[in-house]
Protein backbone atom coordinates (compact mmCIF):
# COMPACT_ATOMS: atom_id res chain seq x y z
CA UNK A 1 139.18 62.29 77.25
CA UNK A 2 136.34 62.25 79.67
CA UNK A 3 133.26 64.52 79.41
CA UNK A 4 132.39 66.73 82.40
CA UNK A 5 128.62 66.86 83.17
CA UNK A 6 129.23 69.64 86.01
CA UNK A 7 128.72 72.95 84.50
CA UNK A 8 131.20 74.25 87.10
CA UNK A 9 133.90 71.81 86.25
CA UNK A 10 134.10 71.74 82.56
CA UNK A 11 136.98 69.53 81.04
CA UNK A 12 139.47 71.84 79.21
CA UNK A 13 138.42 75.10 80.92
CA UNK A 14 141.13 75.04 83.67
CA UNK A 15 142.66 78.07 85.20
CA UNK A 16 139.53 79.78 86.00
CA UNK A 17 138.72 80.87 82.54
CA UNK A 18 134.97 80.31 82.97
CA UNK A 19 132.90 81.75 85.84
CA UNK A 20 131.23 79.62 88.35
CA UNK A 21 127.79 79.86 88.07
CA UNK A 22 125.42 79.65 91.10
CA UNK A 23 122.50 77.66 91.06
CA UNK A 24 120.21 80.67 90.77
CA UNK A 25 122.28 81.91 87.70
CA UNK A 26 121.99 78.35 86.12
CA UNK A 27 118.37 78.68 86.41
CA UNK A 28 118.11 82.24 84.74
CA UNK A 29 117.59 83.86 88.20
CA UNK A 30 120.88 85.89 88.33
CA UNK A 31 121.78 89.48 89.07
CA UNK A 32 119.51 90.71 86.23
CA UNK A 33 116.35 89.40 88.11
CA UNK A 34 117.45 91.00 91.16
CA UNK A 35 117.40 94.32 89.17
CA UNK A 36 113.86 93.63 87.74
CA UNK A 37 112.60 92.77 91.13
CA UNK A 38 113.96 96.07 92.59
CA UNK A 39 112.42 97.94 89.58
CA UNK A 40 109.05 96.34 90.49
CA UNK A 41 109.46 97.28 94.12
CA UNK A 42 109.91 100.86 93.17
CA UNK A 43 106.87 101.15 90.97
CA UNK A 44 104.78 99.34 93.55
CA UNK A 45 106.00 101.84 96.16
CA UNK A 46 105.23 104.72 93.82
CA UNK A 47 101.77 103.35 93.24
CA UNK A 48 101.21 103.03 97.01
CA UNK A 49 102.38 106.49 97.54
CA UNK A 50 99.86 107.83 94.87
CA UNK A 51 96.99 105.80 96.31
CA UNK A 52 97.71 106.98 99.72
CA UNK A 53 97.83 110.57 98.40
CA UNK A 54 94.35 110.32 96.71
CA UNK A 55 92.90 108.79 99.66
CA UNK A 56 94.18 111.49 102.20
CA UNK A 57 92.85 114.04 99.51
CA UNK A 58 89.43 112.47 99.66
CA UNK A 59 89.22 111.97 103.26
CA UNK A 60 90.19 115.74 103.84
CA UNK A 61 87.46 116.75 101.13
CA UNK A 62 84.99 114.50 102.86
CA UNK A 63 85.82 115.84 106.37
CA UNK A 64 85.59 119.44 105.03
CA UNK A 65 82.07 118.66 103.91
CA UNK A 66 80.98 117.10 107.05
CA UNK A 67 82.03 119.91 108.98
CA UNK A 68 80.07 122.40 106.72
CA UNK A 69 76.85 120.33 106.97
CA UNK A 70 76.99 120.09 110.83
CA UNK A 71 77.54 123.84 111.38
């Protein structure tokens, strides 16, 4: 019997008993990585939102302080 070196065509695994792996999945960059990346993007979006909110509050406080100083 010959030995297959192709992960997607293993000898003795006929009939679709083994899921074909994409190149990304063979390199451990499968669907689980996409979920990790989505989670990281969500965290980044939340951080950016908080930072913008803080700067907006600081700007409003600064403008209020400028208005009272000029009056």
